Amino acid sequence: MAGGTRDDRQADLKRGIRVEIASLVYNVLEVVVSVTAGLITGSAALVSWGLDSTVEAPSAGTLIWRLRGEQKGADRRTVLHRKKVALSVVAAAFGVVVAAILYEAVSAFLSQEAPGFNWWGISILFVSLVVNPFLAWGKHRYGKRLDSPALKYDAKDTLICQY
């Protein structure tokens, strides 16, 4: 291995998996809290925010699957297949996020309805402003170390969802 040992790669795989597990847990919580709060308060924006996280969760799950395969010693062909699947899932997630953002923007523009104030929304936004940059940083860091485009793109997806 150029630039590092097998033990270093195993440690990076383990850390990359941890970052994706944290992302998966956070996104599942964000879905539950946002959708529930949105339904209780009648906030379509909160429901949309929560549903957006349903895109990130499968992406994290797929990357956990991909990294664990390599960590457990899958053969080269299996690792390459998992890399391809993971990259495809992350690419699809990008497409869904872009479509959702476009839909929300056009809907808000056409309705000309000003957003209302909602403490749940402010709270979820604040937590996301703190959590998501750390998740994106970890994904990008281990994406670089593992030479994993899917992890690096997942970091960008996290930042796009943040915006």
C-alpha atoms as a PDB file:
ATOM      1  CA  MET A   1       0.000   0.000   0.000  1.00  0.00           C
ATOM      2  CA  ALA A   2       1.390   3.361  -0.976  1.00  0.00           C
ATOM      3  CA  GLY A   3       1.529   5.919   1.816  1.00  0.00           C
ATOM      4  CA  GLY A   4       0.396   3.682   4.672  1.00  0.00           C
ATOM      5  CA  THR A   5       0.101   0.237   6.155  1.00  0.00           C
ATOM      6  CA  ARG A   6      -2.782  -2.204   6.132  1.00  0.00           C
ATOM      7  CA  ASP A   7      -3.289  -1.418   9.843  1.00  0.00           C
ATOM      8  CA  ASP A   8      -3.621   2.300   9.010  1.00  0.00           C
ATOM      9  CA  ARG A   9      -6.223   1.490   6.352  1.00  0.00           C
ATOM     10  CA  GLN A  10      -8.130  -0.735   8.778  1.00  0.00           C
ATOM     11  CA  ALA A  11      -8.138   2.087  11.354  1.00  0.00           C
ATOM     12  CA  ASP A  12      -9.383   4.548   8.711  1.00  0.00           C
ATOM     13  CA  LEU A  13     -12.080   2.094   7.598  1.00  0.00           C
ATOM     14  CA  LYS A  14     -13.200   1.737  11.219  1.00  0.00           C
ATOM     15  CA  ARG A  15     -13.327   5.515  11.679  1.00  0.00           C
ATOM     16  CA  GLY A  16     -15.121   6.011   8.371  1.00  0.00           C
ATOM     17  CA  ILE A  17     -17.729   3.458   9.454  1.00  0.00           C
ATOM     18  CA  ARG A  18     -18.156   5.288  12.766  1.00  0.00           C
ATOM     19  CA  VAL A  19     -18.753   8.591  10.979  1.00  0.00           C
ATOM     20  CA  GLU A  20     -21.355   6.996   8.723  1.00  0.00           C
ATOM     21  CA  ILE A  21     -23.057   5.283  11.692  1.00  0.00           C
ATOM     22  CA  ALA A  22     -23.232   8.673  13.444  1.00  0.00           C
ATOM     23  CA  SER A  23     -24.685  10.150  10.244  1.00  0.00           C
ATOM     24  CA  LEU A  24     -27.265   7.365   9.973  1.00  0.00           C
ATOM     25  CA  VAL A  25     -28.359   7.716  13.606  1.00  0.00           C
ATOM     26  CA  TYR A  26     -28.539  11.508  13.377  1.00  0.00           C
ATOM     27  CA  ASN A  27     -30.558  11.422  10.160  1.00  0.00           C
ATOM     28  CA  VAL A  28     -33.034   8.861  11.500  1.00  0.00           C
ATOM     29  CA  LEU A  29     -33.523  11.042  14.601  1.00  0.00           C
ATOM     30  CA  GLU A  30     -33.900  14.119  12.419  1.00  0.00           C
ATOM     31  CA  VAL A  31     -36.587  12.385  10.342  1.00  0.00           C
ATOM     32  CA  VAL A  32     -38.552  11.289  13.405  1.00  0.00           C
ATOM     33  CA  VAL A  33     -38.328  14.625  15.237  1.00  0.00           C
ATOM     34  CA  SER A  34     -38.876  16.864  12.189  1.00  0.00           C
ATOM     35  CA  VAL A  35     -41.772  14.947  10.686  1.00  0.00           C
ATOM     36  CA  THR A  36     -43.471  14.503  14.066  1.00  0.00           C
ATOM     37  CA  ALA A  37     -43.025  18.170  15.001  1.00  0.00           C
ATOM     38  CA  GLY A  38     -44.111  19.245  11.519  1.00  0.00           C
ATOM     39  CA  LEU A  39     -47.287  17.180  11.690  1.00  0.00           C
ATOM     40  CA  ILE A  40     -48.099  18.406  15.217  1.00  0.00           C
ATOM     41  CA  THR A  41     -47.493  22.076  14.386  1.00  0.00           C
ATOM     42  CA  GLY A  42     -48.817  21.933  10.837  1.00  0.00           C
ATOM     43  CA  SER A  43     -45.463  22.990   9.385  1.00  0.00           C
ATOM     44  CA  ALA A  44     -44.906  21.727   5.845  1.00  0.00           C
ATOM     45  CA  ALA A  45     -41.341  23.087   6.034  1.00  0.00           C
ATOM     46  CA  LEU A  46     -40.528  20.867   9.030  1.00  0.00           C
ATOM     47  CA  VAL A  47     -42.040  17.819   7.347  1.00  0.00           C
ATOM     48  CA  SER A  48     -39.988  18.578   4.215  1.00  0.00           C
ATOM     49  CA  TRP A  49     -36.844  19.044   6.299  1.00  0.00           C
ATOM     50  CA  GLY A  50     -37.395  15.663   7.881  1.00  0.00           C
ATOM     51  CA  LEU A  51     -38.178  13.919   4.622  1.00  0.00           C
ATOM     52  CA  ASP A  52     -34.967  15.341   3.155  1.00  0.00           C
ATOM     53  CA  SER A  53     -33.066  13.307   5.748  1.00  0.00           C
ATOM     54  CA  THR A  54     -34.630  10.126   4.380  1.00  0.00           C
ATOM     55  CA  VAL A  55     -32.285  10.639   1.435  1.00  0.00           C
ATOM     56  CA  GLU A  56     -29.160  10.817   3.581  1.00  0.00           C
ATOM     57  CA  ALA A  57     -29.965   7.777   5.711  1.00  0.00           C
ATOM     58  CA  PRO A  58     -29.856   5.187   2.876  1.00  0.00           C
ATOM     59  CA  SER A  59     -26.683   6.824   1.596  1.00  0.00           C
ATOM     60  CA  ALA A  60     -25.051   6.368   5.022  1.00  0.00           C
ATOM     61  CA  GLY A  61     -26.345   2.796   5.255  1.00  0.00           C
ATOM     62  CA  THR A  62     -24.911   1.929   1.863  1.00  0.00           C
ATOM     63  CA  LEU A  63     -21.540   3.406   2.765  1.00  0.00           C
ATOM     64  CA  ILE A  64     -21.467   1.441   6.028  1.00  0.00           C
ATOM     65  CA  TRP A  65     -22.147  -1.723   3.991  1.00  0.00           C
ATOM     66  CA  ARG A  66     -19.421  -0.803   1.481  1.00  0.00           C
ATOM     67  CA  LEU A  67     -16.768   0.013   4.124  1.00  0.00           C
ATOM     68  CA  ARG A  68     -17.570  -3.014   6.288  1.00  0.00           C
ATOM     69  CA  GLY A  69     -17.126  -5.290   3.297  1.00  0.00           C
ATOM     70  CA  GLU A  70     -13.591  -4.038   2.793  1.00  0.00           C
ATOM     71  CA  GLN A  71     -12.899  -4.019   6.532  1.00  0.00           C
ATOM     72  CA  LYS A  72     -13.907  -7.691   6.825  1.00  0.00           C
ATOM     73  CA  GLY A  73     -11.576  -8.681   3.985  1.00  0.00           C
ATOM     74  CA  ALA A  74     -13.886  -9.001   0.997  1.00  0.00           C
ATOM     75  CA  ASP A  75     -12.087  -9.874  -2.224  1.00  0.00           C
ATOM     76  CA  ARG A  76     -11.090  -7.114  -4.633  1.00  0.00           C
ATOM     77  CA  ARG A  77     -14.009  -7.785  -6.998  1.00  0.00           C
ATOM     78  CA  THR A  78     -16.552  -7.535  -4.156  1.00  0.00           C
ATOM     79  CA  VAL A  79     -14.956  -4.326  -2.866  1.00  0.00           C
ATOM     80  CA  LEU A  80     -15.063  -2.776  -6.345  1.00  0.00           C
ATOM     81  CA  HIS A  81     -18.715  -3.814  -6.753  1.00  0.00           C
ATOM     82  CA  ARG A  82     -19.609  -2.290  -3.383  1.00  0.00           C
ATOM     83  CA  LYS A  83     -17.762   0.912  -4.290  1.00  0.00           C
ATOM     84  CA  LYS A  84     -19.774   1.150  -7.509  1.00  0.00           C
ATOM     85  CA  VAL A  85     -23.090   0.527  -5.710  1.00  0.00           C
ATOM     86  CA  ALA A  86     -22.238   3.061  -2.976  1.00  0.00           C
ATOM     87  CA  LEU A  87     -21.303   5.706  -5.532  1.00  0.00           C
ATOM     88  CA  SER A  88     -24.562   5.073  -7.410  1.00  0.00           C
ATOM     89  CA  VAL A  89     -26.634   5.424  -4.238  1.00  0.00           C
ATOM     90  CA  VAL A  90     -24.889   8.668  -3.288  1.00  0.00           C
ATOM     91  CA  ALA A  91     -25.392   9.994  -6.844  1.00  0.00           C
ATOM     92  CA  ALA A  92     -29.092   9.121  -6.670  1.00  0.00           C
ATOM     93  CA  ALA A  93     -29.286  10.873  -3.295  1.00  0.00           C
ATOM     94  CA  PHE A  94     -27.855  14.014  -4.900  1.00  0.00           C
ATOM     95  CA  GLY A  95     -30.547  13.884  -7.577  1.00  0.00           C
ATOM     96  CA  VAL A  96     -33.349  13.485  -5.054  1.00  0.00           C
ATOM     97  CA  VAL A  97     -32.025  16.325  -2.896  1.00  0.00           C
ATOM     98  CA  VAL A  98     -31.762  18.650  -5.882  1.00  0.00           C
ATOM     99  CA  ALA A  99     -35.315  17.777  -6.965  1.00  0.00           C
ATOM    100  CA  ALA A 100     -36.636  18.328  -3.424  1.00  0.00           C
ATOM    101  CA  ILE A 101     -34.881  21.682  -3.064  1.00  0.00           C
ATOM    102  CA  LEU A 102     -36.137  22.790  -6.468  1.00  0.00           C
ATOM    103  CA  TYR A 103     -39.692  21.732  -5.602  1.00  0.00           C
ATOM    104  CA  GLU A 104     -39.586  23.573  -2.266  1.00  0.00           C
ATOM    105  CA  ALA A 105     -38.162  26.717  -3.867  1.00  0.00           C
ATOM    106  CA  VAL A 106     -40.729  26.809  -6.662  1.00  0.00           C
ATOM    107  CA  SER A 107     -43.611  26.018  -4.267  1.00  0.00           C
ATOM    108  CA  ALA A 108     -42.549  28.768  -1.863  1.00  0.00           C
ATOM    109  CA  PHE A 109     -42.170  31.232  -4.723  1.00  0.00           C
ATOM    110  CA  LEU A 110     -45.553  30.419  -6.251  1.00  0.00           C
ATOM    111  CA  SER A 111     -47.467  30.453  -2.959  1.00  0.00           C
ATOM    112  CA  GLN A 112     -45.922  33.779  -1.893  1.00  0.00           C
ATOM    113  CA  GLU A 113     -46.614  32.664   1.676  1.00  0.00           C
ATOM    114  CA  ALA A 114     -44.152  33.933   4.259  1.00  0.00           C
ATOM    115  CA  PRO A 115     -42.753  31.242   6.559  1.00  0.00           C
ATOM    116  CA  GLY A 116     -44.069  31.275  10.105  1.00  0.00           C
ATOM    117  CA  PHE A 117     -42.016  31.168  13.292  1.00  0.00           C
ATOM    118  CA  ASN A 118     -41.641  27.737  14.865  1.00  0.00           C
ATOM    119  CA  TRP A 119     -39.449  26.846  17.859  1.00  0.00           C
ATOM    120  CA  TRP A 120     -39.170  23.239  16.697  1.00  0.00           C
ATOM    121  CA  GLY A 121     -37.834  24.406  13.363  1.00  0.00           C
ATOM    122  CA  ILE A 122     -35.355  26.811  14.965  1.00  0.00           C
ATOM    123  CA  SER A 123     -34.164  24.075  17.347  1.00  0.00           C
ATOM    124  CA  ILE A 124     -33.687  21.478  14.614  1.00  0.00           C
ATOM    125  CA  LEU A 125     -31.913  24.023  12.429  1.00  0.00           C
ATOM    126  CA  PHE A 126     -29.548  24.932  15.272  1.00  0.00           C
ATOM    127  CA  VAL A 127     -28.701  21.293  16.028  1.00  0.00           C
ATOM    128  CA  SER A 128     -28.098  20.659  12.316  1.00  0.00           C
ATOM    129  CA  LEU A 129     -25.873  23.728  12.064  1.00  0.00           C
ATOM    130  CA  VAL A 130     -23.697  22.187  14.782  1.00  0.00           C
ATOM    131  CA  VAL A 131     -23.809  18.474  13.840  1.00  0.00           C
ATOM    132  CA  ASN A 132     -23.721  18.430  10.024  1.00  0.00           C
ATOM    133  CA  PRO A 133     -20.401  20.267   9.522  1.00  0.00           C
ATOM    134  CA  PHE A 134     -18.677  17.717  11.798  1.00  0.00           C
ATOM    135  CA  LEU A 135     -20.268  14.820   9.914  1.00  0.00           C
ATOM    136  CA  ALA A 136     -19.292  16.327   6.556  1.00  0.00           C
ATOM    137  CA  TRP A 137     -15.737  16.944   7.776  1.00  0.00           C
ATOM    138  CA  GLY A 138     -15.381  13.329   8.966  1.00  0.00           C
ATOM    139  CA  LYS A 139     -16.803  11.924   5.739  1.00  0.00           C
ATOM    140  CA  HIS A 140     -14.492  14.073   3.628  1.00  0.00           C
ATOM    141  CA  ARG A 141     -11.449  13.299   5.804  1.00  0.00           C
ATOM    142  CA  TYR A 142     -11.875   9.539   5.616  1.00  0.00           C
ATOM    143  CA  GLY A 143     -12.976   9.752   1.998  1.00  0.00           C
ATOM    144  CA  LYS A 144      -9.593  11.312   1.214  1.00  0.00           C
ATOM    145  CA  ARG A 145      -7.647   8.852   3.366  1.00  0.00           C
ATOM    146  CA  LEU A 146      -9.425   5.842   1.857  1.00  0.00           C
ATOM    147  CA  ASP A 147      -9.487   7.291  -1.673  1.00  0.00           C
ATOM    148  CA  SER A 148     -13.268   6.897  -1.640  1.00  0.00           C
ATOM    149  CA  PRO A 149     -15.162   9.207  -4.003  1.00  0.00           C
ATOM    150  CA  ALA A 150     -18.463   7.975  -2.518  1.00  0.00           C
ATOM    151  CA  LEU A 151     -17.469   9.134   0.979  1.00  0.00           C
ATOM    152  CA  LYS A 152     -16.274  12.491  -0.348  1.00  0.00           C
ATOM    153  CA  TYR A 153     -19.500  12.971  -2.327  1.00  0.00           C
ATOM    154  CA  ASP A 154     -21.520  11.963   0.729  1.00  0.00           C
ATOM    155  CA  ALA A 155     -19.761  14.773   2.602  1.00  0.00           C
ATOM    156  CA  LYS A 156     -20.920  17.187  -0.098  1.00  0.00           C
ATOM    157  CA  ASP A 157     -24.434  15.760   0.091  1.00  0.00           C
ATOM    158  CA  THR A 158     -24.454  16.442   3.841  1.00  0.00           C
ATOM    159  CA  LEU A 159     -23.444  20.050   3.224  1.00  0.00           C
ATOM    160  CA  ILE A 160     -26.030  20.465   0.458  1.00  0.00           C
ATOM    161  CA  CYS A 161     -28.744  19.157   2.779  1.00  0.00           C
ATOM    162  CA  GLN A 162     -27.448  21.588   5.395  1.00  0.00           C
ATOM    163  CA  TYR A 163     -27.999  24.506   3.033  1.00  0.00           C
END
